[in-house]
Amino acid sequence: MTTNSLKKDHDLIEKVLKSMQATIQLLNDGKKIPESILMPVVDFSKNFTIVCHHGKEEETLFPALEKAGMPTRMGPIAKMLMEHDETKKIANKMEISSQKYLESGDTAELLSDMQQYVEHVTQHLWKENNRLFMMADMRLQGHSDEIENDLEKTEETKLNEIGNKREHYEKLAEDLSQKTS
């Protein structure tokens, strides 16, 4: 399947979203969340999700779909690009509200930003998994190996840009899962 690498990313992102939901619940219960949980969530959201995963879609999958005849200025690709921009905006707000929370202990903005991020990204992943990726797998059937290879190269390039490896983010997701469960 053309989108296996991207689906694997989604599994990792969903694991962090579950940790974020647990963190939201802890904050609602009046618990203090340490920097050792908050900042890895921000790192993952900004670097793995936005730089690496969205980079793979925007630089590899979407151009391949365009080449296969799918329009990029309208339809699913245009919608996903708009949602990627929204994800970035929310993640930036979440980074600022995390810093404010760590300095002041005020949870209001952080709770709002985290909840917005979880809801937005959850819906976005659903659309990709259940619509876009199904279309991509059908349209790009004959090019699966080539596209998977290109996705792998894009991931490596993006992770090198931020100075990490996939294993770092897999461990980060696992650690967050254990700390918030």
C-alpha atoms as a PDB file:
ATOM      1  CA  MET A   1       0.000   0.000   0.000  1.00  0.00           C
ATOM      2  CA  THR A   2       1.215   3.463  -0.914  1.00  0.00           C
ATOM      3  CA  THR A   3       0.250   5.013   2.422  1.00  0.00           C
ATOM      4  CA  ASN A   4       1.636   2.438   4.901  1.00  0.00           C
ATOM      5  CA  SER A   5       4.389   4.765   6.121  1.00  0.00           C
ATOM      6  CA  LEU A   6       1.872   7.568   6.686  1.00  0.00           C
ATOM      7  CA  LYS A   7      -0.533   5.232   8.522  1.00  0.00           C
ATOM      8  CA  LYS A   8       2.354   4.176  10.774  1.00  0.00           C
ATOM      9  CA  ASP A   9       2.911   7.884  11.541  1.00  0.00           C
ATOM     10  CA  HIS A  10      -0.771   8.243  12.347  1.00  0.00           C
ATOM     11  CA  ASP A  11      -0.552   5.389  14.867  1.00  0.00           C
ATOM     12  CA  LEU A  12       2.301   7.202  16.614  1.00  0.00           C
ATOM     13  CA  ILE A  13       0.466  10.543  16.521  1.00  0.00           C
ATOM     14  CA  GLU A  14      -2.676   8.905  17.946  1.00  0.00           C
ATOM     15  CA  LYS A  15      -0.626   7.483  20.814  1.00  0.00           C
ATOM     16  CA  VAL A  16       0.521  11.019  21.706  1.00  0.00           C
ATOM     17  CA  LEU A  17      -3.041  12.337  21.320  1.00  0.00           C
ATOM     18  CA  LYS A  18      -4.166   9.760  23.914  1.00  0.00           C
ATOM     19  CA  SER A  19      -1.447  11.005  26.263  1.00  0.00           C
ATOM     20  CA  MET A  20      -2.615  14.570  25.638  1.00  0.00           C
ATOM     21  CA  GLN A  21      -6.180  13.581  26.510  1.00  0.00           C
ATOM     22  CA  ALA A  22      -4.920  12.040  29.751  1.00  0.00           C
ATOM     23  CA  THR A  23      -2.944  15.233  30.447  1.00  0.00           C
ATOM     24  CA  ILE A  24      -6.071  17.336  29.870  1.00  0.00           C
ATOM     25  CA  GLN A  25      -7.930  15.159  32.377  1.00  0.00           C
ATOM     26  CA  LEU A  26      -5.115  15.505  34.928  1.00  0.00           C
ATOM     27  CA  LEU A  27      -5.155  19.294  34.509  1.00  0.00           C
ATOM     28  CA  ASN A  28      -8.945  19.328  34.907  1.00  0.00           C
ATOM     29  CA  ASP A  29      -8.501  17.312  38.106  1.00  0.00           C
ATOM     30  CA  GLY A  30      -6.152  19.998  39.449  1.00  0.00           C
ATOM     31  CA  LYS A  31      -2.941  18.000  39.026  1.00  0.00           C
ATOM     32  CA  LYS A  32       0.311  19.777  38.187  1.00  0.00           C
ATOM     33  CA  ILE A  33       1.871  18.678  34.900  1.00  0.00           C
ATOM     34  CA  PRO A  34       5.666  18.755  34.837  1.00  0.00           C
ATOM     35  CA  GLU A  35       7.794  20.203  32.067  1.00  0.00           C
ATOM     36  CA  SER A  36       9.023  16.644  31.404  1.00  0.00           C
ATOM     37  CA  ILE A  37       5.561  15.805  30.035  1.00  0.00           C
ATOM     38  CA  LEU A  38       4.518  19.111  28.481  1.00  0.00           C
ATOM     39  CA  MET A  39       7.598  19.964  26.453  1.00  0.00           C
ATOM     40  CA  PRO A  40       7.935  16.512  24.816  1.00  0.00           C
ATOM     41  CA  VAL A  41       4.276  16.855  23.727  1.00  0.00           C
ATOM     42  CA  VAL A  42       5.105  20.218  22.141  1.00  0.00           C
ATOM     43  CA  ASP A  43       8.284  18.801  20.563  1.00  0.00           C
ATOM     44  CA  PHE A  44       6.375  15.857  19.099  1.00  0.00           C
ATOM     45  CA  SER A  45       3.522  18.050  17.842  1.00  0.00           C
ATOM     46  CA  LYS A  46       5.738  20.651  16.211  1.00  0.00           C
ATOM     47  CA  ASN A  47       8.555  18.454  14.948  1.00  0.00           C
ATOM     48  CA  PHE A  48       7.284  14.961  14.277  1.00  0.00           C
ATOM     49  CA  THR A  49       3.703  15.773  13.299  1.00  0.00           C
ATOM     50  CA  ILE A  50       4.231  19.070  11.484  1.00  0.00           C
ATOM     51  CA  VAL A  51       7.777  18.941  10.122  1.00  0.00           C
ATOM     52  CA  CYS A  52       8.175  15.219   9.455  1.00  0.00           C
ATOM     53  CA  HIS A  53       4.688  13.800   8.853  1.00  0.00           C
ATOM     54  CA  HIS A  54       3.159  16.798   7.095  1.00  0.00           C
ATOM     55  CA  GLY A  55       6.412  17.163   5.152  1.00  0.00           C
ATOM     56  CA  LYS A  56       6.047  13.609   3.873  1.00  0.00           C
ATOM     57  CA  GLU A  57       2.504  14.302   2.732  1.00  0.00           C
ATOM     58  CA  GLU A  58       3.175  17.741   1.243  1.00  0.00           C
ATOM     59  CA  GLU A  59       6.464  16.930  -0.475  1.00  0.00           C
ATOM     60  CA  THR A  60       5.832  13.341  -1.550  1.00  0.00           C
ATOM     61  CA  LEU A  61       2.219  12.099  -1.422  1.00  0.00           C
ATOM     62  CA  PHE A  62       0.407  15.220  -2.614  1.00  0.00           C
ATOM     63  CA  PRO A  63       2.718  15.793  -5.620  1.00  0.00           C
ATOM     64  CA  ALA A  64       2.325  12.109  -6.569  1.00  0.00           C
ATOM     65  CA  LEU A  65      -1.460  12.467  -6.378  1.00  0.00           C
ATOM     66  CA  GLU A  66      -1.331  15.643  -8.445  1.00  0.00           C
ATOM     67  CA  LYS A  67       0.748  13.823 -11.059  1.00  0.00           C
ATOM     68  CA  ALA A  68      -1.938  11.101 -11.052  1.00  0.00           C
ATOM     69  CA  GLY A  69      -4.582  13.717 -11.864  1.00  0.00           C
ATOM     70  CA  MET A  70      -5.911  14.790  -8.468  1.00  0.00           C
ATOM     71  CA  PRO A  71      -6.353  18.579  -8.227  1.00  0.00           C
ATOM     72  CA  THR A  72      -4.399  20.391  -5.515  1.00  0.00           C
ATOM     73  CA  ARG A  73      -6.153  23.771  -5.492  1.00  0.00           C
ATOM     74  CA  MET A  74      -9.492  22.221  -4.521  1.00  0.00           C
ATOM     75  CA  GLY A  75     -10.816  18.955  -3.158  1.00  0.00           C
ATOM     76  CA  PRO A  76      -9.150  16.714  -0.572  1.00  0.00           C
ATOM     77  CA  ILE A  77      -5.561  17.909  -1.020  1.00  0.00           C
ATOM     78  CA  ALA A  78      -6.502  21.588  -0.684  1.00  0.00           C
ATOM     79  CA  LYS A  79      -8.544  20.731   2.430  1.00  0.00           C
ATOM     80  CA  MET A  80      -5.657  18.779   3.985  1.00  0.00           C
ATOM     81  CA  LEU A  81      -3.230  21.647   3.302  1.00  0.00           C
ATOM     82  CA  MET A  82      -5.592  24.092   5.038  1.00  0.00           C
ATOM     83  CA  GLU A  83      -5.844  21.715   7.976  1.00  0.00           C
ATOM     84  CA  HIS A  84      -2.044  21.366   8.124  1.00  0.00           C
ATOM     85  CA  ASP A  85      -1.831  25.171   8.465  1.00  0.00           C
ATOM     86  CA  GLU A  86      -4.427  25.063  11.240  1.00  0.00           C
ATOM     87  CA  THR A  87      -2.505  22.300  13.045  1.00  0.00           C
ATOM     88  CA  LYS A  88       0.623  24.469  12.941  1.00  0.00           C
ATOM     89  CA  LYS A  89      -1.257  27.499  14.343  1.00  0.00           C
ATOM     90  CA  ILE A  90      -2.722  25.477  17.215  1.00  0.00           C
ATOM     91  CA  ALA A  91       0.646  23.830  17.989  1.00  0.00           C
ATOM     92  CA  ASN A  92       2.308  27.266  18.133  1.00  0.00           C
ATOM     93  CA  LYS A  93      -0.395  28.509  20.522  1.00  0.00           C
ATOM     94  CA  MET A  94       0.034  25.341  22.596  1.00  0.00           C
ATOM     95  CA  GLU A  95       3.778  25.940  22.856  1.00  0.00           C
ATOM     96  CA  ILE A  96       3.168  29.469  24.188  1.00  0.00           C
ATOM     97  CA  SER A  97       0.429  28.376  26.594  1.00  0.00           C
ATOM     98  CA  SER A  98       2.666  25.525  27.841  1.00  0.00           C
ATOM     99  CA  GLN A  99       5.401  28.039  28.687  1.00  0.00           C
ATOM    100  CA  LYS A 100       2.867  30.313  30.395  1.00  0.00           C
ATOM    101  CA  TYR A 101       1.509  27.369  32.377  1.00  0.00           C
ATOM    102  CA  LEU A 102       4.996  26.323  33.501  1.00  0.00           C
ATOM    103  CA  GLU A 103       5.695  29.916  34.629  1.00  0.00           C
ATOM    104  CA  SER A 104       2.356  30.765  36.246  1.00  0.00           C
ATOM    105  CA  GLY A 105       0.435  27.531  36.824  1.00  0.00           C
ATOM    106  CA  ASP A 106      -2.569  29.012  34.957  1.00  0.00           C
ATOM    107  CA  THR A 107      -4.281  26.171  33.107  1.00  0.00           C
ATOM    108  CA  ALA A 108      -7.017  27.996  31.135  1.00  0.00           C
ATOM    109  CA  GLU A 109      -5.158  28.692  27.870  1.00  0.00           C
ATOM    110  CA  LEU A 110      -3.239  25.419  27.952  1.00  0.00           C
ATOM    111  CA  LEU A 111      -6.410  23.377  28.444  1.00  0.00           C
ATOM    112  CA  SER A 112      -8.125  25.211  25.608  1.00  0.00           C
ATOM    113  CA  ASP A 113      -5.163  24.850  23.224  1.00  0.00           C
ATOM    114  CA  MET A 114      -4.567  21.177  24.032  1.00  0.00           C
ATOM    115  CA  GLN A 115      -8.256  20.331  23.649  1.00  0.00           C
ATOM    116  CA  GLN A 116      -8.410  22.201  20.341  1.00  0.00           C
ATOM    117  CA  TYR A 117      -5.277  20.404  19.119  1.00  0.00           C
ATOM    118  CA  VAL A 118      -6.562  16.948  20.102  1.00  0.00           C
ATOM    119  CA  GLU A 119      -9.957  17.511  18.474  1.00  0.00           C
ATOM    120  CA  HIS A 120      -8.527  19.047  15.293  1.00  0.00           C
ATOM    121  CA  VAL A 121      -5.806  16.444  14.735  1.00  0.00           C
ATOM    122  CA  THR A 122      -8.128  13.532  15.606  1.00  0.00           C
ATOM    123  CA  GLN A 123     -10.627  14.672  12.954  1.00  0.00           C
ATOM    124  CA  HIS A 124      -7.832  15.349  10.469  1.00  0.00           C
ATOM    125  CA  LEU A 125      -6.342  11.866  10.894  1.00  0.00           C
ATOM    126  CA  TRP A 126      -9.771  10.304  10.450  1.00  0.00           C
ATOM    127  CA  LYS A 127     -10.268  12.155   7.142  1.00  0.00           C
ATOM    128  CA  GLU A 128      -6.866  11.059   5.890  1.00  0.00           C
ATOM    129  CA  ASN A 129      -7.217   7.443   7.019  1.00  0.00           C
ATOM    130  CA  ASN A 130     -10.765   6.973   5.760  1.00  0.00           C
ATOM    131  CA  ARG A 131     -10.825   9.152   2.671  1.00  0.00           C
ATOM    132  CA  LEU A 132      -7.562  10.545   1.326  1.00  0.00           C
ATOM    133  CA  PHE A 133      -5.403   7.470   1.926  1.00  0.00           C
ATOM    134  CA  MET A 134      -8.030   5.180   0.361  1.00  0.00           C
ATOM    135  CA  MET A 135      -8.068   7.376  -2.750  1.00  0.00           C
ATOM    136  CA  ALA A 136      -4.268   7.527  -2.775  1.00  0.00           C
ATOM    137  CA  ASP A 137      -3.901   3.758  -2.472  1.00  0.00           C
ATOM    138  CA  MET A 138      -6.248   3.263  -5.439  1.00  0.00           C
ATOM    139  CA  ARG A 139      -4.845   6.040  -7.658  1.00  0.00           C
ATOM    140  CA  LEU A 140      -1.198   5.224  -6.995  1.00  0.00           C
ATOM    141  CA  GLN A 141      -1.427   1.419  -7.012  1.00  0.00           C
ATOM    142  CA  GLY A 142       1.211   0.874  -9.654  1.00  0.00           C
ATOM    143  CA  HIS A 143       3.681   3.202  -7.939  1.00  0.00           C
ATOM    144  CA  SER A 144       3.513   1.937  -4.344  1.00  0.00           C
ATOM    145  CA  ASP A 145       7.142   0.909  -3.947  1.00  0.00           C
ATOM    146  CA  GLU A 146       8.464   4.089  -5.537  1.00  0.00           C
ATOM    147  CA  ILE A 147       6.273   6.333  -3.366  1.00  0.00           C
ATOM    148  CA  GLU A 148       7.029   4.393  -0.164  1.00  0.00           C
ATOM    149  CA  ASN A 149      10.725   4.800  -0.966  1.00  0.00           C
ATOM    150  CA  ASP A 150      10.235   8.538  -1.561  1.00  0.00           C
ATOM    151  CA  LEU A 151       8.274   8.868   1.704  1.00  0.00           C
ATOM    152  CA  GLU A 152      11.130   7.168   3.546  1.00  0.00           C
ATOM    153  CA  LYS A 153      13.668   9.571   2.020  1.00  0.00           C
ATOM    154  CA  THR A 154      11.509  12.587   2.892  1.00  0.00           C
ATOM    155  CA  GLU A 155      11.158  11.342   6.481  1.00  0.00           C
ATOM    156  CA  GLU A 156      14.908  10.917   6.801  1.00  0.00           C
ATOM    157  CA  THR A 157      15.542  14.403   5.389  1.00  0.00           C
ATOM    158  CA  LYS A 158      12.950  16.042   7.648  1.00  0.00           C
ATOM    159  CA  LEU A 159      14.175  14.262  10.783  1.00  0.00           C
ATOM    160  CA  ASN A 160      17.775  15.187   9.934  1.00  0.00           C
ATOM    161  CA  GLU A 161      16.686  18.843   9.658  1.00  0.00           C
ATOM    162  CA  ILE A 162      15.391  18.748  13.243  1.00  0.00           C
ATOM    163  CA  GLY A 163      18.268  16.611  14.466  1.00  0.00           C
ATOM    164  CA  ASN A 164      16.373  13.503  15.546  1.00  0.00           C
ATOM    165  CA  LYS A 165      15.589   9.983  14.440  1.00  0.00           C
ATOM    166  CA  ARG A 166      12.229   8.235  14.232  1.00  0.00           C
ATOM    167  CA  GLU A 167      13.266   6.076  17.196  1.00  0.00           C
ATOM    168  CA  HIS A 168      13.479   9.235  19.331  1.00  0.00           C
ATOM    169  CA  TYR A 169       9.820  10.040  18.616  1.00  0.00           C
ATOM    170  CA  GLU A 170       8.721   6.434  19.046  1.00  0.00           C
ATOM    171  CA  LYS A 171      10.391   6.379  22.477  1.00  0.00           C
ATOM    172  CA  LEU A 172       8.968   9.815  23.322  1.00  0.00           C
ATOM    173  CA  ALA A 173       5.437   8.568  22.489  1.00  0.00           C
ATOM    174  CA  GLU A 174       5.974   5.439  24.577  1.00  0.00           C
ATOM    175  CA  ASP A 175       7.364   7.427  27.529  1.00  0.00           C
ATOM    176  CA  LEU A 176       4.444   9.878  27.415  1.00  0.00           C
ATOM    177  CA  SER A 177       2.024   6.976  27.276  1.00  0.00           C
ATOM    178  CA  GLN A 178       3.559   5.451  30.405  1.00  0.00           C
ATOM    179  CA  LYS A 179       3.761   8.765  32.308  1.00  0.00           C
ATOM    180  CA  THR A 180       0.129   9.683  31.640  1.00  0.00           C
ATOM    181  CA  SER A 181      -1.546   6.319  32.109  1.00  0.00           C
END
